[in-house]
Amino acid sequence: MVQRSACFRAFVFLCVILLLATGANAGKKKPPEKPVNINTANSEELQQVPGIGPATAQKILQMRKSYGLFKSVDDLLAIRGLGEKRLNKMRKYLTVGKANPPKPGQPTAKPSSIPEKPPGKPSAQL
């Protein structure tokens, strides 16, 4: 009976150690391979940055929508709850760039609904 109790305690102890070790690793994010552009990133891309969770990502997107493109990473200091110390930890994973221009070959304006006549062909008259 005493031997079973000792084995059970050892088993529980190992399980607790395993749980703690797993939990410690689960809380750490793997940082992005290249800096995230805060002017073009979506919520999922922003959340790859250590220190940015769903709430902060949403605040960044809302600020970008309301005030336009960021001119500097320091513009993020205007977000409530994001201070200098936290921003300095995230800074190496963030960049500011222009929004992506339209790709060549894509129309920039809607085509008119009236089709154009091919040049050089007379229109048919009845």
N, C-alpha and C. Protein backbone atom coordinates (compact mmCIF):
# COMPACT_ATOMS: atom_id res chain seq x y z
N MET A 1 0.82 -1.19 0.00
CA MET A 1 0.00 0.00 0.00
C MET A 1 0.87 1.26 0.00
N VAL A 2 1.95 1.25 0.80
CA VAL A 2 2.84 2.40 0.88
C VAL A 2 3.56 2.60 -0.45
N GLN A 3 3.92 1.50 -1.11
CA GLN A 3 4.63 1.59 -2.38
C GLN A 3 3.71 2.16 -3.46
N ARG A 4 2.44 1.80 -3.47
CA ARG A 4 1.49 2.34 -4.45
C ARG A 4 1.32 3.84 -4.26
N SER A 5 1.22 4.26 -3.04
CA SER A 5 1.05 5.67 -2.72
C SER A 5 2.27 6.49 -3.20
N ALA A 6 3.45 5.95 -3.02
CA ALA A 6 4.67 6.64 -3.44
C ALA A 6 4.74 6.73 -4.96
N CYS A 7 4.34 5.67 -5.64
CA CYS A 7 4.32 5.67 -7.11
C CYS A 7 3.29 6.67 -7.63
N PHE A 8 2.15 6.71 -6.99
CA PHE A 8 1.10 7.64 -7.39
C PHE A 8 1.57 9.08 -7.22
N ARG A 9 2.21 9.39 -6.10
CA ARG A 9 2.73 10.74 -5.86
C ARG A 9 3.79 11.10 -6.90
N ALA A 10 4.65 10.19 -7.23
CA ALA A 10 5.69 10.44 -8.23
C ALA A 10 5.05 10.70 -9.60
N PHE A 11 4.02 9.93 -9.93
CA PHE A 11 3.31 10.11 -11.19
C PHE A 11 2.65 11.49 -11.25
N VAL A 12 1.99 11.88 -10.18
CA VAL A 12 1.32 13.19 -10.14
C VAL A 12 2.36 14.30 -10.24
N PHE A 13 3.48 14.15 -9.56
CA PHE A 13 4.54 15.14 -9.59
C PHE A 13 5.06 15.32 -11.02
N LEU A 14 5.29 14.22 -11.73
CA LEU A 14 5.77 14.30 -13.11
C LEU A 14 4.74 14.96 -14.04
N CYS A 15 3.48 14.65 -13.81
CA CYS A 15 2.42 15.27 -14.62
C CYS A 15 2.39 16.78 -14.41
N VAL A 16 2.52 17.21 -13.18
CA VAL A 16 2.53 18.65 -12.88
C VAL A 16 3.72 19.32 -13.55
N ILE A 17 4.89 18.72 -13.46
CA ILE A 17 6.09 19.27 -14.10
C ILE A 17 5.90 19.37 -15.60
N LEU A 18 5.34 18.35 -16.21
CA LEU A 18 5.09 18.34 -17.65
C LEU A 18 4.10 19.45 -18.04
N LEU A 19 3.04 19.61 -17.26
CA LEU A 19 2.07 20.66 -17.54
C LEU A 19 2.70 22.04 -17.44
N LEU A 20 3.50 22.28 -16.43
CA LEU A 20 4.15 23.57 -16.27
C LEU A 20 5.12 23.86 -17.42
N ALA A 21 5.86 22.86 -17.83
CA ALA A 21 6.82 23.04 -18.93
C ALA A 21 6.08 23.32 -20.24
N THR A 22 4.98 22.64 -20.48
CA THR A 22 4.21 22.86 -21.70
C THR A 22 3.58 24.24 -21.68
N GLY A 23 3.05 24.65 -20.57
CA GLY A 23 2.42 25.97 -20.45
C GLY A 23 3.41 27.10 -20.65
N ALA A 24 4.64 26.94 -20.18
CA ALA A 24 5.65 27.98 -20.33
C ALA A 24 6.01 28.18 -21.79
N ASN A 25 6.10 27.11 -22.56
CA ASN A 25 6.43 27.23 -23.98
C ASN A 25 5.25 27.72 -24.80
N ALA A 26 4.04 27.41 -24.39
CA ALA A 26 2.86 27.79 -25.16
C ALA A 26 2.64 29.30 -25.12
N GLY A 27 3.10 29.98 -24.10
CA GLY A 27 2.89 31.41 -23.98
C GLY A 27 3.84 32.24 -24.83
N LYS A 28 4.86 31.66 -25.39
CA LYS A 28 5.84 32.40 -26.19
C LYS A 28 5.51 32.27 -27.67
N LYS A 29 5.54 33.42 -28.36
CA LYS A 29 5.29 33.42 -29.79
C LYS A 29 6.61 33.34 -30.52
N LYS A 30 6.56 32.75 -31.69
CA LYS A 30 7.71 32.79 -32.57
C LYS A 30 7.59 34.09 -33.37
N PRO A 31 8.57 34.99 -33.28
CA PRO A 31 8.45 36.28 -33.99
C PRO A 31 8.46 36.08 -35.50
N PRO A 32 7.91 37.06 -36.23
CA PRO A 32 7.89 36.95 -37.70
C PRO A 32 9.31 36.99 -38.27
N GLU A 33 9.48 36.35 -39.42
CA GLU A 33 10.81 36.29 -40.06
C GLU A 33 11.24 37.65 -40.59
N LYS A 34 10.29 38.43 -41.08
CA LYS A 34 10.61 39.77 -41.56
C LYS A 34 9.67 40.77 -40.88
N PRO A 35 10.06 42.04 -40.80
CA PRO A 35 9.22 43.02 -40.12
C PRO A 35 7.83 43.13 -40.75
N VAL A 36 6.83 43.35 -39.92
CA VAL A 36 5.45 43.48 -40.35
C VAL A 36 5.16 44.94 -40.65
N ASN A 37 4.62 45.22 -41.83
CA ASN A 37 4.26 46.58 -42.23
C ASN A 37 2.94 46.95 -41.58
N ILE A 38 2.96 47.91 -40.67
CA ILE A 38 1.73 48.27 -39.96
C ILE A 38 0.73 49.01 -40.85
N ASN A 39 1.14 49.42 -42.04
CA ASN A 39 0.22 50.09 -42.96
C ASN A 39 -0.53 49.12 -43.86
N THR A 40 -0.07 47.87 -43.93
CA THR A 40 -0.73 46.91 -44.83
C THR A 40 -1.15 45.62 -44.13
N ALA A 41 -0.66 45.38 -42.93
CA ALA A 41 -0.90 44.10 -42.24
C ALA A 41 -2.35 43.96 -41.79
N ASN A 42 -2.83 42.72 -41.81
CA ASN A 42 -4.15 42.43 -41.24
C ASN A 42 -3.97 42.00 -39.79
N SER A 43 -5.06 41.68 -39.13
CA SER A 43 -5.02 41.35 -37.71
C SER A 43 -4.11 40.15 -37.42
N GLU A 44 -4.20 39.11 -38.23
CA GLU A 44 -3.40 37.90 -38.01
C GLU A 44 -1.91 38.20 -38.14
N GLU A 45 -1.55 39.02 -39.13
CA GLU A 45 -0.14 39.36 -39.33
C GLU A 45 0.38 40.19 -38.16
N LEU A 46 -0.43 41.13 -37.68
CA LEU A 46 -0.01 41.95 -36.54
C LEU A 46 0.18 41.10 -35.28
N GLN A 47 -0.67 40.10 -35.11
CA GLN A 47 -0.59 39.26 -33.91
C GLN A 47 0.63 38.35 -33.90
N GLN A 48 1.34 38.25 -35.00
CA GLN A 48 2.59 37.48 -35.02
C GLN A 48 3.69 38.19 -34.25
N VAL A 49 3.54 39.49 -34.07
CA VAL A 49 4.55 40.30 -33.37
C VAL A 49 4.41 40.08 -31.87
N PRO A 50 5.50 39.72 -31.19
CA PRO A 50 5.43 39.58 -29.73
C PRO A 50 4.99 40.90 -29.09
N GLY A 51 3.98 40.82 -28.24
CA GLY A 51 3.46 42.01 -27.58
C GLY A 51 2.17 42.52 -28.20
N ILE A 52 1.77 41.96 -29.35
CA ILE A 52 0.51 42.36 -29.98
C ILE A 52 -0.44 41.18 -29.96
N GLY A 53 -1.52 41.37 -29.23
CA GLY A 53 -2.58 40.37 -29.17
C GLY A 53 -3.77 40.83 -29.99
N PRO A 54 -4.88 40.12 -29.90
CA PRO A 54 -6.06 40.49 -30.69
C PRO A 54 -6.57 41.91 -30.41
N ALA A 55 -6.58 42.33 -29.15
CA ALA A 55 -7.10 43.65 -28.81
C ALA A 55 -6.21 44.76 -29.37
N THR A 56 -4.90 44.62 -29.23
CA THR A 56 -3.97 45.64 -29.74
C THR A 56 -4.00 45.66 -31.26
N ALA A 57 -4.07 44.50 -31.89
CA ALA A 57 -4.15 44.45 -33.35
C ALA A 57 -5.39 45.19 -33.83
N GLN A 58 -6.51 45.00 -33.15
CA GLN A 58 -7.75 45.68 -33.53
C GLN A 58 -7.61 47.18 -33.37
N LYS A 59 -6.94 47.63 -32.30
CA LYS A 59 -6.73 49.07 -32.08
C LYS A 59 -5.86 49.66 -33.19
N ILE A 60 -4.84 48.92 -33.62
CA ILE A 60 -3.96 49.39 -34.70
C ILE A 60 -4.76 49.53 -35.99
N LEU A 61 -5.57 48.53 -36.30
CA LEU A 61 -6.39 48.58 -37.53
C LEU A 61 -7.39 49.72 -37.47
N GLN A 62 -8.00 49.94 -36.31
CA GLN A 62 -8.98 51.01 -36.16
C GLN A 62 -8.31 52.38 -36.31
N MET A 63 -7.13 52.52 -35.75
CA MET A 63 -6.40 53.79 -35.86
C MET A 63 -6.02 54.06 -37.32
N ARG A 64 -5.58 53.02 -38.01
CA ARG A 64 -5.21 53.16 -39.42
C ARG A 64 -6.42 53.55 -40.26
N LYS A 65 -7.57 52.96 -39.94
CA LYS A 65 -8.80 53.27 -40.67
C LYS A 65 -9.26 54.70 -40.40
N SER A 66 -9.14 55.14 -39.17
CA SER A 66 -9.63 56.46 -38.78
C SER A 66 -8.71 57.60 -39.21
N TYR A 67 -7.40 57.40 -39.09
CA TYR A 67 -6.45 58.49 -39.30
C TYR A 67 -5.59 58.34 -40.53
N GLY A 68 -5.67 57.22 -41.22
CA GLY A 68 -4.86 57.03 -42.41
C GLY A 68 -3.57 56.27 -42.09
N LEU A 69 -2.67 56.25 -43.06
CA LEU A 69 -1.44 55.49 -42.93
C LEU A 69 -0.54 56.06 -41.86
N PHE A 70 0.22 55.17 -41.23
CA PHE A 70 1.19 55.58 -40.22
C PHE A 70 2.42 56.14 -40.92
N LYS A 71 2.99 57.20 -40.36
CA LYS A 71 4.22 57.78 -40.90
C LYS A 71 5.44 57.19 -40.22
N SER A 72 5.26 56.68 -39.00
CA SER A 72 6.35 56.14 -38.21
C SER A 72 5.80 55.09 -37.25
N VAL A 73 6.66 54.17 -36.83
CA VAL A 73 6.27 53.18 -35.83
C VAL A 73 5.90 53.89 -34.53
N ASP A 74 6.51 55.03 -34.28
CA ASP A 74 6.22 55.81 -33.07
C ASP A 74 4.78 56.30 -33.02
N ASP A 75 4.09 56.34 -34.14
CA ASP A 75 2.68 56.74 -34.16
C ASP A 75 1.83 55.80 -33.32
N LEU A 76 2.32 54.58 -33.10
CA LEU A 76 1.58 53.60 -32.30
C LEU A 76 1.47 54.02 -30.83
N LEU A 77 2.30 54.97 -30.40
CA LEU A 77 2.25 55.44 -29.02
C LEU A 77 0.92 56.13 -28.72
N ALA A 78 0.18 56.53 -29.74
CA ALA A 78 -1.12 57.15 -29.54
C ALA A 78 -2.18 56.13 -29.11
N ILE A 79 -1.87 54.84 -29.23
CA ILE A 79 -2.81 53.79 -28.84
C ILE A 79 -2.78 53.63 -27.33
N ARG A 80 -3.94 53.70 -26.73
CA ARG A 80 -4.05 53.56 -25.28
C ARG A 80 -3.57 52.18 -24.85
N GLY A 81 -2.71 52.15 -23.86
CA GLY A 81 -2.19 50.88 -23.35
C GLY A 81 -0.88 50.46 -23.98
N LEU A 82 -0.42 51.21 -24.96
CA LEU A 82 0.84 50.88 -25.62
C LEU A 82 1.84 51.98 -25.29
N GLY A 83 2.78 51.68 -24.42
CA GLY A 83 3.75 52.67 -23.98
C GLY A 83 5.09 52.50 -24.65
N GLU A 84 6.01 53.39 -24.28
CA GLU A 84 7.35 53.41 -24.86
C GLU A 84 8.10 52.10 -24.64
N LYS A 85 8.02 51.55 -23.43
CA LYS A 85 8.74 50.32 -23.09
C LYS A 85 8.25 49.14 -23.93
N ARG A 86 6.95 49.00 -24.03
CA ARG A 86 6.37 47.90 -24.82
C ARG A 86 6.68 48.07 -26.30
N LEU A 87 6.57 49.32 -26.79
CA LEU A 87 6.85 49.58 -28.20
C LEU A 87 8.30 49.28 -28.54
N ASN A 88 9.22 49.60 -27.64
CA ASN A 88 10.63 49.33 -27.90
C ASN A 88 10.91 47.84 -28.05
N LYS A 89 10.17 46.99 -27.34
CA LYS A 89 10.33 45.53 -27.48
C LYS A 89 9.80 45.04 -28.83
N MET A 90 8.79 45.74 -29.37
CA MET A 90 8.17 45.31 -30.63
C MET A 90 8.82 45.95 -31.85
N ARG A 91 9.54 47.03 -31.64
CA ARG A 91 10.02 47.88 -32.74
C ARG A 91 10.78 47.11 -33.83
N LYS A 92 11.62 46.14 -33.45
CA LYS A 92 12.41 45.43 -34.45
C LYS A 92 11.57 44.52 -35.34
N TYR A 93 10.32 44.27 -34.95
CA TYR A 93 9.43 43.42 -35.75
C TYR A 93 8.44 44.23 -36.58
N LEU A 94 8.53 45.57 -36.51
CA LEU A 94 7.57 46.43 -37.19
C LEU A 94 8.26 47.34 -38.19
N THR A 95 7.55 47.68 -39.23
CA THR A 95 8.04 48.62 -40.23
C THR A 95 6.85 49.43 -40.73
N VAL A 96 7.17 50.55 -41.37
CA VAL A 96 6.14 51.41 -41.94
C VAL A 96 6.47 51.56 -43.42
N GLY A 97 5.52 51.26 -44.25
CA GLY A 97 5.69 51.41 -45.68
C GLY A 97 4.39 51.90 -46.27
N LYS A 98 4.44 52.20 -47.54
CA LYS A 98 3.23 52.64 -48.23
C LYS A 98 2.33 51.46 -48.50
N ALA A 99 1.05 51.75 -48.67
CA ALA A 99 0.10 50.70 -49.04
C ALA A 99 0.48 50.19 -50.43
N ASN A 100 0.17 48.94 -50.70
CA ASN A 100 0.52 48.34 -51.98
C ASN A 100 -0.23 49.02 -53.12
N PRO A 101 0.48 49.47 -54.17
CA PRO A 101 -0.20 50.06 -55.33
C PRO A 101 -0.90 48.96 -56.12
N PRO A 102 -1.88 49.34 -56.96
CA PRO A 102 -2.54 48.32 -57.79
C PRO A 102 -1.56 47.66 -58.72
N LYS A 103 -1.74 46.37 -58.98
CA LYS A 103 -0.85 45.62 -59.85
C LYS A 103 -1.05 46.05 -61.30
N PRO A 104 0.03 46.03 -62.10
CA PRO A 104 -0.11 46.39 -63.52
C PRO A 104 -1.11 45.47 -64.20
N GLY A 105 -1.87 46.05 -65.09
CA GLY A 105 -2.85 45.26 -65.83
C GLY A 105 -4.23 45.28 -65.18
N GLN A 106 -4.30 45.75 -63.94
CA GLN A 106 -5.60 45.87 -63.29
C GLN A 106 -6.13 47.27 -63.54
N PRO A 107 -7.40 47.38 -63.93
CA PRO A 107 -7.95 48.71 -64.16
C PRO A 107 -8.05 49.48 -62.84
N THR A 108 -7.73 50.78 -62.90
CA THR A 108 -7.79 51.59 -61.69
C THR A 108 -9.18 52.20 -61.54
N ALA A 109 -9.91 52.32 -62.63
CA ALA A 109 -11.27 52.86 -62.58
C ALA A 109 -12.21 51.86 -63.20
N LYS A 110 -13.48 51.96 -62.85
CA LYS A 110 -14.47 51.06 -63.44
C LYS A 110 -14.64 51.39 -64.92
N PRO A 111 -14.72 50.37 -65.76
CA PRO A 111 -14.97 50.64 -67.18
C PRO A 111 -16.41 51.13 -67.35
N SER A 112 -16.61 51.95 -68.36
CA SER A 112 -17.96 52.46 -68.60
C SER A 112 -18.85 51.33 -69.11
N SER A 113 -20.14 51.51 -68.94
CA SER A 113 -21.07 50.46 -69.35
C SER A 113 -21.35 50.49 -70.85
N ILE A 114 -20.92 51.55 -71.54
CA ILE A 114 -21.14 51.65 -72.98
C ILE A 114 -19.90 51.11 -73.69
N PRO A 115 -20.06 50.04 -74.46
CA PRO A 115 -18.90 49.49 -75.16
C PRO A 115 -18.44 50.43 -76.27
N GLU A 116 -17.13 50.51 -76.45
CA GLU A 116 -16.58 51.35 -77.51
C GLU A 116 -16.60 50.60 -78.83
N LYS A 117 -16.74 51.39 -79.94
CA LYS A 117 -16.67 50.78 -81.27
C LYS A 117 -15.22 50.61 -81.65
N PRO A 118 -14.89 49.52 -82.32
CA PRO A 118 -13.52 49.37 -82.80
C PRO A 118 -13.22 50.47 -83.83
N PRO A 119 -12.06 51.07 -83.80
CA PRO A 119 -11.74 52.13 -84.76
C PRO A 119 -11.64 51.59 -86.18
N GLY A 120 -12.04 52.41 -87.12
CA GLY A 120 -11.89 52.07 -88.53
C GLY A 120 -13.08 51.31 -89.12
N LYS A 121 -14.03 50.90 -88.32
CA LYS A 121 -15.18 50.19 -88.86
C LYS A 121 -16.38 51.13 -88.84
N PRO A 122 -17.04 51.29 -89.96
CA PRO A 122 -18.20 52.15 -89.97
C PRO A 122 -19.35 51.50 -89.21
N SER A 123 -20.15 52.35 -88.59
CA SER A 123 -21.28 51.80 -87.85
C SER A 123 -22.37 51.42 -88.85
N ALA A 124 -23.07 50.38 -88.53
CA ALA A 124 -24.14 49.90 -89.41
C ALA A 124 -25.35 50.81 -89.28
N GLN A 125 -25.84 51.27 -90.42
CA GLN A 125 -27.04 52.11 -90.40
C GLN A 125 -28.15 51.38 -91.13
N LEU A 126 -29.33 51.44 -90.62
CA LEU A 126 -30.46 50.78 -91.26
C LEU A 126 -31.31 51.73 -91.99
